[in-house]
Structure formats: C-alpha cells, structure tokens
PDB file of N, CA and C in Angstrom:
ATOM      1  N   MET A   1      -3.906  36.626-107.304  1.00  0.00           N
ATOM      2  CA  MET A   1      -3.564  35.996-106.076  1.00  0.00           C
ATOM      3  C   MET A   1      -2.178  36.796-105.670  1.00  0.00           C
ATOM      4  N   ASN A   2      -1.905  37.112-104.505  1.00  0.00           N
ATOM      5  CA  ASN A   2      -0.746  37.836-103.955  1.00  0.00           C
ATOM      6  C   ASN A   2       0.535  36.770-103.879  1.00  0.00           C
ATOM      7  N   PRO A   3       1.634  37.293-103.956  1.00  0.00           N
ATOM      8  CA  PRO A   3       2.801  36.686-103.772  1.00  0.00           C
ATOM      9  C   PRO A   3       2.771  35.987-102.313  1.00  0.00           C
ATOM     10  N   ARG A   4       3.313  34.799-102.086  1.00  0.00           N
ATOM     11  CA  ARG A   4       3.085  34.017-100.968  1.00  0.00           C
ATOM     12  C   ARG A   4       4.490  33.910-100.143  1.00  0.00           C
ATOM     13  N   ALA A   5       4.525  33.579 -98.770  1.00  0.00           N
ATOM     14  CA  ALA A   5       5.666  33.542 -98.175  1.00  0.00           C
ATOM     15  C   ALA A   5       5.143  32.391 -96.864  1.00  0.00           C
ATOM     16  N   PHE A   6       6.071  31.550 -96.368  1.00  0.00           N
ATOM     17  CA  PHE A   6       5.719  30.566 -95.395  1.00  0.00           C
ATOM     18  C   PHE A   6       6.307  30.961 -94.166  1.00  0.00           C
ATOM     19  N   GLN A   7       5.708  30.819 -93.165  1.00  0.00           N
ATOM     20  CA  GLN A   7       6.237  30.938 -91.689  1.00  0.00           C
ATOM     21  C   GLN A   7       6.293  29.533 -91.187  1.00  0.00           C
ATOM     22  N   ILE A   8       7.440  28.973 -90.642  1.00  0.00           N
ATOM     23  CA  ILE A   8       7.380  27.641 -90.066  1.00  0.00           C
ATOM     24  C   ILE A   8       6.873  27.749 -88.587  1.00  0.00           C
ATOM     25  N   GLN A   9       7.385  28.328 -87.656  1.00  0.00           N
ATOM     26  CA  GLN A   9       7.214  28.219 -86.287  1.00  0.00           C
ATOM     27  C   GLN A   9       6.320  29.706 -85.886  1.00  0.00           C
ATOM     28  N   PRO A  10       5.498  29.812 -85.048  1.00  0.00           N
ATOM     29  CA  PRO A  10       4.903  30.882 -84.460  1.00  0.00           C
ATOM     30  C   PRO A  10       5.845  31.761 -84.070  1.00  0.00           C
ATOM     31  N   GLN A  11       6.966  31.445 -83.449  1.00  0.00           N
ATOM     32  CA  GLN A  11       7.909  32.300 -82.842  1.00  0.00           C
ATOM     33  C   GLN A  11       9.013  32.874 -83.977  1.00  0.00           C
ATOM     34  N   ASP A  12       8.769  32.457 -85.199  1.00  0.00           N
ATOM     35  CA  ASP A  12       9.630  32.897 -86.300  1.00  0.00           C
ATOM     36  C   ASP A  12       9.438  34.371 -86.476  1.00  0.00           C
ATOM     37  N   ASN A  13      10.379  35.242 -86.625  1.00  0.00           N
ATOM     38  CA  ASN A  13      10.105  36.741 -86.878  1.00  0.00           C
ATOM     39  C   ASN A  13      10.232  37.009 -88.435  1.00  0.00           C
ATOM     40  N   VAL A  14      10.570  35.846 -89.220  1.00  0.00           N
ATOM     41  CA  VAL A  14      10.593  35.988 -90.713  1.00  0.00           C
ATOM     42  C   VAL A  14       9.977  34.896 -91.128  1.00  0.00           C
ATOM     43  N   ALA A  15       9.534  35.077 -92.605  1.00  0.00           N
ATOM     44  CA  ALA A  15       9.127  33.970 -93.314  1.00  0.00           C
ATOM     45  C   ALA A  15       9.865  33.886 -94.622  1.00  0.00           C
ATOM     46  N   THR A  16       9.766  32.728 -95.292  1.00  0.00           N
ATOM     47  CA  THR A  16      10.498  32.541 -96.513  1.00  0.00           C
ATOM     48  C   THR A  16       9.576  32.727 -97.795  1.00  0.00           C
ATOM     49  N   MET A  17       9.979  33.522 -98.659  1.00  0.00           N
ATOM     50  CA  MET A  17       9.225  33.728 -99.850  1.00  0.00           C
ATOM     51  C   MET A  17       9.001  32.556-100.616  1.00  0.00           C
ATOM     52  N   ILE A  18       7.917  32.411-101.176  1.00  0.00           N
ATOM     53  CA  ILE A  18       7.578  31.318-101.993  1.00  0.00           C
ATOM     54  C   ILE A  18       7.568  31.818-103.485  1.00  0.00           C
ATOM     55  N   ASP A  19       7.231  32.959-103.584  1.00  0.00           N
ATOM     56  CA  ASP A  19       7.176  33.640-104.784  1.00  0.00           C
ATOM     57  C   ASP A  19       7.920  34.764-104.935  1.00  0.00           C
ATOM     58  N   ASP A  20       8.228  35.616-105.960  1.00  0.00           N
ATOM     59  CA  ASP A  20       8.736  36.755-106.023  1.00  0.00           C
ATOM     60  C   ASP A  20       7.650  37.896-105.785  1.00  0.00           C
ATOM     61  N   VAL A  21       8.384  39.124-105.245  1.00  0.00           N
ATOM     62  CA  VAL A  21       7.151  40.172-105.044  1.00  0.00           C
ATOM     63  C   VAL A  21       8.113  41.390-105.378  1.00  0.00           C
ATOM     64  N   GLN A  22       7.522  42.326-106.178  1.00  0.00           N
ATOM     65  CA  GLN A  22       8.237  43.529-106.512  1.00  0.00           C
ATOM     66  C   GLN A  22       8.008  44.633-105.431  1.00  0.00           C
ATOM     67  N   SER A  23       6.600  44.556-104.868  1.00  0.00           N
ATOM     68  CA  SER A  23       6.303  45.417-103.774  1.00  0.00           C
ATOM     69  C   SER A  23       4.720  45.046-103.455  1.00  0.00           C
ATOM     70  N   GLY A  24       4.198  45.431-102.510  1.00  0.00           N
ATOM     71  CA  GLY A  24       2.720  45.305-102.437  1.00  0.00           C
ATOM     72  C   GLY A  24       2.346  44.196-101.282  1.00  0.00           C
ATOM     73  N   ALA A  25       1.203  43.704-101.241  1.00  0.00           N
ATOM     74  CA  ALA A  25       0.718  42.573-100.436  1.00  0.00           C
ATOM     75  C   ALA A  25       1.442  41.289-100.649  1.00  0.00           C
ATOM     76  N   VAL A  26       1.621  40.537 -99.454  1.00  0.00           N
ATOM     77  CA  VAL A  26       2.458  39.305 -99.445  1.00  0.00           C
ATOM     78  C   VAL A  26       1.476  38.511 -98.566  1.00  0.00           C
ATOM     79  N   GLU A  27       1.108  37.325 -98.856  1.00  0.00           N
ATOM     80  CA  GLU A  27       0.196  36.389 -98.000  1.00  0.00           C
ATOM     81  C   GLU A  27       1.130  35.449 -97.344  1.00  0.00           C
ATOM     82  N   ILE A  28       1.119  35.473 -96.083  1.00  0.00           N
ATOM     83  CA  ILE A  28       1.880  34.610 -95.053  1.00  0.00           C
ATOM     84  C   ILE A  28       0.924  33.549 -94.787  1.00  0.00           C
ATOM     85  N   SER A  29       1.567  32.226 -94.924  1.00  0.00           N
ATOM     86  CA  SER A  29       0.839  30.952 -94.538  1.00  0.00           C
ATOM     87  C   SER A  29       1.820  30.135 -93.449  1.00  0.00           C
ATOM     88  N   GLY A  30       1.156  29.069 -92.989  1.00  0.00           N
ATOM     89  CA  GLY A  30       2.114  28.217 -92.217  1.00  0.00           C
ATOM     90  C   GLY A  30       1.476  28.526 -90.739  1.00  0.00           C
ATOM     91  N   ALA A  31       2.630  29.028 -89.884  1.00  0.00           N
ATOM     92  CA  ALA A  31       2.299  29.216 -88.611  1.00  0.00           C
ATOM     93  C   ALA A  31       1.296  30.282 -88.245  1.00  0.00           C
ATOM     94  N   ALA A  32       1.280  31.232 -89.083  1.00  0.00           N
ATOM     95  CA  ALA A  32       0.449  32.448 -89.054  1.00  0.00           C
ATOM     96  C   ALA A  32      -0.073  32.669 -90.385  1.00  0.00           C
ATOM     97  N   ARG A  33      -1.314  33.110 -90.438  1.00  0.00           N
ATOM     98  CA  ARG A  33      -1.954  33.493 -91.708  1.00  0.00           C
ATOM     99  C   ARG A  33      -2.552  34.910 -91.752  1.00  0.00           C
ATOM    100  N   GLU A  34      -1.654  35.823 -92.449  1.00  0.00           N
ATOM    101  CA  GLU A  34      -1.942  37.095 -92.528  1.00  0.00           C
ATOM    102  C   GLU A  34      -1.191  37.842 -93.756  1.00  0.00           C
ATOM    103  N   GLU A  35      -1.603  38.903 -94.051  1.00  0.00           N
ATOM    104  CA  GLU A  35      -1.283  39.575 -94.986  1.00  0.00           C
ATOM    105  C   GLU A  35      -0.356  40.689 -94.630  1.00  0.00           C
ATOM    106  N   ILE A  36       0.696  40.805 -95.111  1.00  0.00           N
ATOM    107  CA  ILE A  36       1.544  41.951 -94.994  1.00  0.00           C
ATOM    108  C   ILE A  36       2.303  42.667 -95.976  1.00  0.00           C
ATOM    109  N   SER A  37       2.603  43.816 -96.086  1.00  0.00           N
ATOM    110  CA  SER A  37       2.901  44.602 -97.234  1.00  0.00           C
ATOM    111  C   SER A  37       4.453  44.764 -97.124  1.00  0.00           C
ATOM    112  N   THR A  38       5.038  44.954 -98.519  1.00  0.00           N
ATOM    113  CA  THR A  38       6.618  45.385 -98.450  1.00  0.00           C
ATOM    114  C   THR A  38       6.498  46.329 -99.667  1.00  0.00           C
ATOM    115  N   SER A  39       7.327  47.158 -99.419  1.00  0.00           N
ATOM    116  CA  SER A  39       7.832  48.353-100.327  1.00  0.00           C
ATOM    117  C   SER A  39       8.994  48.048-101.264  1.00  0.00           C
ATOM    118  N   GLU A  40       9.531  46.625-101.156  1.00  0.00           N
ATOM    119  CA  GLU A  40      10.737  46.448-101.977  1.00  0.00           C
ATOM    120  C   GLU A  40      10.546  45.000-102.573  1.00  0.00           C
ATOM    121  N   LYS A  41      11.551  44.978-103.502  1.00  0.00           N
ATOM    122  CA  LYS A  41      11.395  43.541-104.464  1.00  0.00           C
ATOM    123  C   LYS A  41      12.206  42.552-103.337  1.00  0.00           C
ATOM    124  N   ILE A  42      11.426  41.335-103.182  1.00  0.00           N
ATOM    125  CA  ILE A  42      12.038  40.060-102.656  1.00  0.00           C
ATOM    126  C   ILE A  42      11.849  39.125-103.382  1.00  0.00           C
ATOM    127  N   SER A  43      13.081  38.403-103.588  1.00  0.00           N
ATOM    128  CA  SER A  43      13.046  37.204-104.476  1.00  0.00           C
ATOM    129  C   SER A  43      12.456  35.874-103.690  1.00  0.00           C
ATOM    130  N   HIS A  44      11.972  34.893-104.353  1.00  0.00           N
ATOM    131  CA  HIS A  44      11.427  33.815-103.740  1.00  0.00           C
ATOM    132  C   HIS A  44      12.851  33.133-102.970  1.00  0.00           C
ATOM    133  N   SER A  45      12.500  32.452-102.044  1.00  0.00           N
ATOM    134  CA  SER A  45      13.703  31.811-101.179  1.00  0.00           C
ATOM    135  C   SER A  45      14.346  32.663-100.240  1.00  0.00           C
ATOM    136  N   HIS A  46      14.026  34.244-100.316  1.00  0.00           N
ATOM    137  CA  HIS A  46      14.617  34.894 -99.243  1.00  0.00           C
ATOM    138  C   HIS A  46      13.511  35.201 -98.472  1.00  0.00           C
ATOM    139  N   LYS A  47      14.144  35.989 -97.313  1.00  0.00           N
ATOM    140  CA  LYS A  47      13.514  36.116 -96.166  1.00  0.00           C
ATOM    141  C   LYS A  47      12.734  37.717 -96.025  1.00  0.00           C
ATOM    142  N   ILE A  48      11.370  37.404 -95.504  1.00  0.00           N
ATOM    143  CA  ILE A  48      10.497  38.812 -95.170  1.00  0.00           C
ATOM    144  C   ILE A  48      10.234  38.770 -93.648  1.00  0.00           C
ATOM    145  N   ALA A  49      10.628  39.900 -93.196  1.00  0.00           N
ATOM    146  CA  ALA A  49      10.290  40.175 -91.598  1.00  0.00           C
ATOM    147  C   ALA A  49       8.693  40.346 -91.502  1.00  0.00           C
ATOM    148  N   VAL A  50       8.244  39.381 -90.621  1.00  0.00           N
ATOM    149  CA  VAL A  50       7.008  39.206 -90.383  1.00  0.00           C
ATOM    150  C   VAL A  50       6.368  40.194 -89.194  1.00  0.00           C
ATOM    151  N   ARG A  51       7.523  40.789 -88.502  1.00  0.00           N
ATOM    152  CA  ARG A  51       7.238  41.864 -87.559  1.00  0.00           C
ATOM    153  C   ARG A  51       8.605  42.782 -87.582  1.00  0.00           C
ATOM    154  N   ASP A  52       8.469  43.842 -86.777  1.00  0.00           N
ATOM    155  CA  ASP A  52       9.576  44.747 -86.527  1.00  0.00           C
ATOM    156  C   ASP A  52      10.661  44.047 -85.717  1.00  0.00           C
ATOM    157  N   ILE A  53      11.810  43.940 -86.191  1.00  0.00           N
ATOM    158  CA  ILE A  53      12.913  43.441 -85.697  1.00  0.00           C
ATOM    159  C   ILE A  53      14.143  44.462 -85.059  1.00  0.00           C
ATOM    160  N   ALA A  54      14.313  44.696 -83.772  1.00  0.00           N
ATOM    161  CA  ALA A  54      15.281  45.718 -83.389  1.00  0.00           C
ATOM    162  C   ALA A  54      16.738  45.359 -83.619  1.00  0.00           C
ATOM    163  N   VAL A  55      17.603  46.353 -83.567  1.00  0.00           N
ATOM    164  CA  VAL A  55      18.958  46.348 -83.867  1.00  0.00           C
ATOM    165  C   VAL A  55      19.617  44.984 -82.634  1.00  0.00           C
ATOM    166  N   ASN A  56      20.286  44.186 -83.089  1.00  0.00           N
ATOM    167  CA  ASN A  56      20.875  43.105 -82.232  1.00  0.00           C
ATOM    168  C   ASN A  56      19.842  42.043 -81.714  1.00  0.00           C
ATOM    169  N   GLU A  57      18.586  42.379 -82.203  1.00  0.00           N
ATOM    170  CA  GLU A  57      17.477  41.242 -81.792  1.00  0.00           C
ATOM    171  C   GLU A  57      17.721  39.953 -82.647  1.00  0.00           C
ATOM    172  N   ALA A  58      17.613  38.888 -82.132  1.00  0.00           N
ATOM    173  CA  ALA A  58      17.505  37.512 -82.816  1.00  0.00           C
ATOM    174  C   ALA A  58      16.856  37.447 -83.992  1.00  0.00           C
ATOM    175  N   VAL A  59      17.360  36.960 -85.168  1.00  0.00           N
ATOM    176  CA  VAL A  59      16.478  36.774 -86.205  1.00  0.00           C
ATOM    177  C   VAL A  59      16.197  35.346 -86.120  1.00  0.00           C
ATOM    178  N   ILE A  60      14.789  34.777 -85.956  1.00  0.00           N
ATOM    179  CA  ILE A  60      14.611  33.335 -85.884  1.00  0.00           C
ATOM    180  C   ILE A  60      13.697  32.801 -87.069  1.00  0.00           C
ATOM    181  N   LYS A  61      14.273  31.711 -87.594  1.00  0.00           N
ATOM    182  CA  LYS A  61      13.588  31.066 -88.658  1.00  0.00           C
ATOM    183  C   LYS A  61      13.768  29.584 -88.404  1.00  0.00           C
ATOM    184  N   PHE A  62      12.722  28.832 -88.728  1.00  0.00           N
ATOM    185  CA  PHE A  62      12.467  27.311 -88.528  1.00  0.00           C
ATOM    186  C   PHE A  62      12.503  27.201 -86.960  1.00  0.00           C
ATOM    187  N   GLY A  63      12.203  28.319 -86.243  1.00  0.00           N
ATOM    188  CA  GLY A  63      12.085  28.105 -84.616  1.00  0.00           C
ATOM    189  C   GLY A  63      13.666  28.125 -84.086  1.00  0.00           C
ATOM    190  N   VAL A  64      14.696  28.669 -84.942  1.00  0.00           N
ATOM    191  CA  VAL A  64      16.067  28.552 -84.359  1.00  0.00           C
ATOM    192  C   VAL A  64      16.553  30.072 -84.683  1.00  0.00           C
ATOM    193  N   ARG A  65      17.398  30.479 -83.883  1.00  0.00           N
ATOM    194  CA  ARG A  65      18.060  31.707 -83.986  1.00  0.00           C
ATOM    195  C   ARG A  65      19.051  31.436 -85.098  1.00  0.00           C
ATOM    196  N   ILE A  66      19.030  32.219 -86.259  1.00  0.00           N
ATOM    197  CA  ILE A  66      20.161  32.182 -87.217  1.00  0.00           C
ATOM    198  C   ILE A  66      20.966  33.301 -87.460  1.00  0.00           C
ATOM    199  N   GLY A  67      20.644  34.274 -86.622  1.00  0.00           N
ATOM    200  CA  GLY A  67      21.393  35.682 -86.597  1.00  0.00           C
ATOM    201  C   GLY A  67      20.977  36.679 -85.872  1.00  0.00           C
ATOM    202  N   HIS A  68      21.508  37.864 -85.941  1.00  0.00           N
ATOM    203  CA  HIS A  68      20.825  39.178 -85.266  1.00  0.00           C
ATOM    204  C   HIS A  68      20.932  40.141 -86.529  1.00  0.00           C
ATOM    205  N   ALA A  69      19.969  41.067 -86.147  1.00  0.00           N
ATOM    206  CA  ALA A  69      19.723  42.178 -87.054  1.00  0.00           C
ATOM    207  C   ALA A  69      20.992  43.205 -86.658  1.00  0.00           C
ATOM    208  N   THR A  70      21.473  43.665 -87.799  1.00  0.00           N
ATOM    209  CA  THR A  70      22.540  44.635 -87.586  1.00  0.00           C
ATOM    210  C   THR A  70      22.057  45.922 -87.803  1.00  0.00           C
ATOM    211  N   GLN A  71      20.601  46.251 -88.026  1.00  0.00           N
ATOM    212  CA  GLN A  71      20.133  47.455 -88.181  1.00  0.00           C
ATOM    213  C   GLN A  71      18.517  47.049 -87.889  1.00  0.00           C
ATOM    214  N   ALA A  72      17.924  48.041 -87.493  1.00  0.00           N
ATOM    215  CA  ALA A  72      16.211  48.017 -87.407  1.00  0.00           C
ATOM    216  C   ALA A  72      15.854  47.501 -88.752  1.00  0.00           C
ATOM    217  N   ILE A  73      15.000  46.398 -88.601  1.00  0.00           N
ATOM    218  CA  ILE A  73      14.133  45.913 -89.659  1.00  0.00           C
ATOM    219  C   ILE A  73      12.798  45.911 -89.525  1.00  0.00           C
ATOM    220  N   PRO A  74      12.168  46.570 -90.315  1.00  0.00           N
ATOM    221  CA  PRO A  74      10.799  46.869 -90.187  1.00  0.00           C
ATOM    222  C   PRO A  74       9.849  45.533 -90.738  1.00  0.00           C
ATOM    223  N   ARG A  75       8.738  45.583 -90.398  1.00  0.00           N
ATOM    224  CA  ARG A  75       7.858  44.468 -90.692  1.00  0.00           C
ATOM    225  C   ARG A  75       7.503  44.740 -92.229  1.00  0.00           C
ATOM    226  N   GLY A  76       7.756  43.515 -92.982  1.00  0.00           N
ATOM    227  CA  GLY A  76       7.618  43.606 -94.493  1.00  0.00           C
ATOM    228  C   GLY A  76       9.035  43.734 -95.256  1.00  0.00           C
ATOM    229  N   ALA A  77      10.162  44.094 -94.613  1.00  0.00           N
ATOM    230  CA  ALA A  77      11.359  44.556 -95.199  1.00  0.00           C
ATOM    231  C   ALA A  77      12.113  43.068 -95.617  1.00  0.00           C
ATOM    232  N   TRP A  78      12.903  43.235 -96.564  1.00  0.00           N
ATOM    233  CA  TRP A  78      13.595  42.024 -97.169  1.00  0.00           C
ATOM    234  C   TRP A  78      14.795  41.797 -95.960  1.00  0.00           C
ATOM    235  N   VAL A  79      14.998  40.617 -95.614  1.00  0.00           N
ATOM    236  CA  VAL A  79      15.972  40.393 -94.515  1.00  0.00           C
ATOM    237  C   VAL A  79      17.051  39.297 -95.095  1.00  0.00           C
ATOM    238  N   HIS A  80      18.242  40.034 -95.086  1.00  0.00           N
ATOM    239  CA  HIS A  80      19.384  39.437 -96.008  1.00  0.00           C
ATOM    240  C   HIS A  80      20.611  39.994 -95.567  1.00  0.00           C
ATOM    241  N   LEU A  81      21.743  39.760 -96.078  1.00  0.00           N
ATOM    242  CA  LEU A  81      23.084  40.031 -95.701  1.00  0.00           C
ATOM    243  C   LEU A  81      23.197  41.766 -95.278  1.00  0.00           C
ATOM    244  N   HIS A  82      22.348  42.597 -95.754  1.00  0.00           N
ATOM    245  CA  HIS A  82      22.638  44.045 -95.874  1.00  0.00           C
ATOM    246  C   HIS A  82      22.028  44.416 -94.256  1.00  0.00           C
ATOM    247  N   ASN A  83      21.249  43.489 -93.585  1.00  0.00           N
ATOM    248  CA  ASN A  83      20.712  43.801 -92.267  1.00  0.00           C
ATOM    249  C   ASN A  83      20.546  42.831 -91.383  1.00  0.00           C
ATOM    250  N   LEU A  84      21.506  41.639 -91.801  1.00  0.00           N
ATOM    251  CA  LEU A  84      21.540  40.346 -90.705  1.00  0.00           C
ATOM    252  C   LEU A  84      22.956  39.759 -90.905  1.00  0.00           C
ATOM    253  N   ALA A  85      23.412  39.504 -89.745  1.00  0.00           N
ATOM    254  CA  ALA A  85      24.726  38.885 -89.291  1.00  0.00           C
ATOM    255  C   ALA A  85      24.486  37.419 -89.107  1.00  0.00           C
ATOM    256  N   SER A  86      24.940  36.541 -89.575  1.00  0.00           N
ATOM    257  CA  SER A  86      24.691  35.108 -89.208  1.00  0.00           C
ATOM    258  C   SER A  86      25.521  34.845 -87.868  1.00  0.00           C
ATOM    259  N   ASP A  87      24.644  34.076 -87.060  1.00  0.00           N
ATOM    260  CA  ASP A  87      25.354  33.341 -85.986  1.00  0.00           C
ATOM    261  C   ASP A  87      25.920  32.088 -86.166  1.00  0.00           C
ATOM    262  N   LEU A  88      25.578  31.631 -87.342  1.00  0.00           N
ATOM    263  CA  LEU A  88      26.053  30.350 -87.779  1.00  0.00           C
ATOM    264  C   LEU A  88      27.439  30.391 -88.720  1.00  0.00           C
ATOM    265  N   ASP A  89      27.842  31.460 -89.359  1.00  0.00           N
ATOM    266  CA  ASP A  89      28.893  31.667 -90.208  1.00  0.00           C
ATOM    267  C   ASP A  89      29.541  32.913 -90.077  1.00  0.00           C
ATOM    268  N   GLU A  90      30.760  33.049 -89.367  1.00  0.00           N
ATOM    269  CA  GLU A  90      31.444  34.253 -89.180  1.00  0.00           C
ATOM    270  C   GLU A  90      31.816  34.887 -90.189  1.00  0.00           C
ATOM    271  N   ARG A  91      31.873  34.578 -91.461  1.00  0.00           N
ATOM    272  CA  ARG A  91      32.319  35.090 -92.808  1.00  0.00           C
ATOM    273  C   ARG A  91      31.190  35.688 -93.347  1.00  0.00           C
ATOM    274  N   SER A  92      29.913  35.865 -92.796  1.00  0.00           N
ATOM    275  CA  SER A  92      28.720  36.246 -93.368  1.00  0.00           C
ATOM    276  C   SER A  92      28.601  37.721 -93.843  1.00  0.00           C
ATOM    277  N   GLY A  93      29.414  38.375 -93.145  1.00  0.00           N
ATOM    278  CA  GLY A  93      29.507  39.838 -93.348  1.00  0.00           C
ATOM    279  C   GLY A  93      30.374  40.160 -94.446  1.00  0.00           C
ATOM    280  N   THR A  94      31.048  39.098 -95.148  1.00  0.00           N
ATOM    281  CA  THR A  94      31.986  39.510 -96.047  1.00  0.00           C
ATOM    282  C   THR A  94      31.326  38.664 -97.495  1.00  0.00           C
ATOM    283  N   LEU A  95      30.193  38.336 -97.470  1.00  0.00           N
ATOM    284  CA  LEU A  95      29.605  37.834 -98.762  1.00  0.00           C
ATOM    285  C   LEU A  95      28.947  38.741 -99.572  1.00  0.00           C
ATOM    286  N   ASP A  96      28.860  38.569-100.860  1.00  0.00           N
ATOM    287  CA  ASP A  96      28.284  39.522-101.715  1.00  0.00           C
ATOM    288  C   ASP A  96      26.800  39.724-101.435  1.00  0.00           C
ATOM    289  N   LEU A  97      25.971  40.701-101.434  1.00  0.00           N
ATOM    290  CA  LEU A  97      24.662  40.774-101.183  1.00  0.00           C
ATOM    291  C   LEU A  97      23.805  39.987-102.099  1.00  0.00           C
ATOM    292  N   HIS A  98      23.936  39.970-103.187  1.00  0.00           N
ATOM    293  CA  HIS A  98      23.120  39.301-104.383  1.00  0.00           C
ATOM    294  C   HIS A  98      23.567  37.808-104.698  1.00  0.00           C
ATOM    295  N   SER A  99      25.022  37.696-104.791  1.00  0.00           N
ATOM    296  CA  SER A  99      25.376  36.447-105.251  1.00  0.00           C
ATOM    297  C   SER A  99      25.650  35.475-103.853  1.00  0.00           C
ATOM    298  N   GLY A 100      25.962  36.039-103.021  1.00  0.00           N
ATOM    299  CA  GLY A 100      26.428  35.268-101.765  1.00  0.00           C
ATOM    300  C   GLY A 100      27.750  34.727-101.941  1.00  0.00           C
ATOM    301  N   ALA A 101      28.586  35.292-102.976  1.00  0.00           N
ATOM    302  CA  ALA A 101      29.918  34.867-102.982  1.00  0.00           C
ATOM    303  C   ALA A 101      30.959  35.775-102.183  1.00  0.00           C
ATOM    304  N   PRO A 102      31.740  34.931-101.675  1.00  0.00           N
ATOM    305  CA  PRO A 102      32.799  35.598-100.710  1.00  0.00           C
ATOM    306  C   PRO A 102      33.603  36.796-101.251  1.00  0.00           C
ATOM    307  N   THR A 103      33.632  37.963-100.509  1.00  0.00           N
ATOM    308  CA  THR A 103      34.435  38.973-101.119  1.00  0.00           C
ATOM    309  C   THR A 103      35.729  39.346-100.341  1.00  0.00           C
ATOM    310  N   ASP A 104      36.235  38.380 -99.539  1.00  0.00           N
ATOM    311  CA  ASP A 104      37.380  38.387 -98.685  1.00  0.00           C
ATOM    312  C   ASP A 104      38.444  37.488 -99.267  1.00  0.00           C
ATOM    313  N   THR A 105      38.160  36.578-100.376  1.00  0.00           N
ATOM    314  CA  THR A 105      38.942  35.913-100.994  1.00  0.00           C
ATOM    315  C   THR A 105      39.396  36.251-102.238  1.00  0.00           C
ATOM    316  N   VAL A 106      40.709  36.250-102.905  1.00  0.00           N
ATOM    317  CA  VAL A 106      40.890  36.428-104.184  1.00  0.00           C
ATOM    318  C   VAL A 106      41.339  35.248-104.841  1.00  0.00           C
ATOM    319  N   TYR A 107      40.452  35.024-105.960  1.00  0.00           N
ATOM    320  CA  TYR A 107      40.772  33.757-106.788  1.00  0.00           C
ATOM    321  C   TYR A 107      41.716  34.215-108.160  1.00  0.00           C
ATOM    322  N   GLU A 108      42.606  33.579-108.263  1.00  0.00           N
ATOM    323  CA  GLU A 108      43.491  33.716-109.405  1.00  0.00           C
ATOM    324  C   GLU A 108      43.568  32.434-110.376  1.00  0.00           C
TER     325      GLU A 108
END
C-alpha cells in the first residue's frame, strides 16, 4: 500500500499526509482520489502540494487560505516553512524548519 494523504475540500491545493513517505507514490483521498509522486521525504501530518502552486499564490487547506507560497511549489512537494509564509501568524518566518521552535527569541 502506498503512503496516504487526505484532501479536505476540492479547492485545497494541499493535502495532509497520513503516513510518512520517503519518496514515490502517495495516495490522495478525501475530496479527490488520485495518486501523485514525491521525490522527497514528507512526514505524517505535514502538507503535500496536490498541484503546482505559484509564488505568492494562496495555499488553501480545509477550504481556508492559510498562507502564501514564498517560492514556486511543484505538485508533490513538501509544503512547510521553507516555501510557505503563514497569513495567520506573522512570526512564521522565524520558526525552525523542523521543530517549529521560534528562532527570534533568546531563552536564558
């Protein structure tokens, strides 16, 4: 069985990974049923682009704009802090890519 991802609304341009994928085929279910391919590791609960997303284009998840692409995001790519700026959290650009921890605050 291929790793799986779930797309909530038909207008969503991302789906949420249900399983981890190293690379290869991902089975999309929910609003759409299709198979797409990725060439990178994407962890469960992270987003995968279900279509090409242009620079500054809205990223739509759950039928809601959650941010915008800071660079072109090809279909099948991992969508995260390295290519997405949040429209909901102005500090999103200062978060660590893997842990999500703030990098603009010093803790002593």
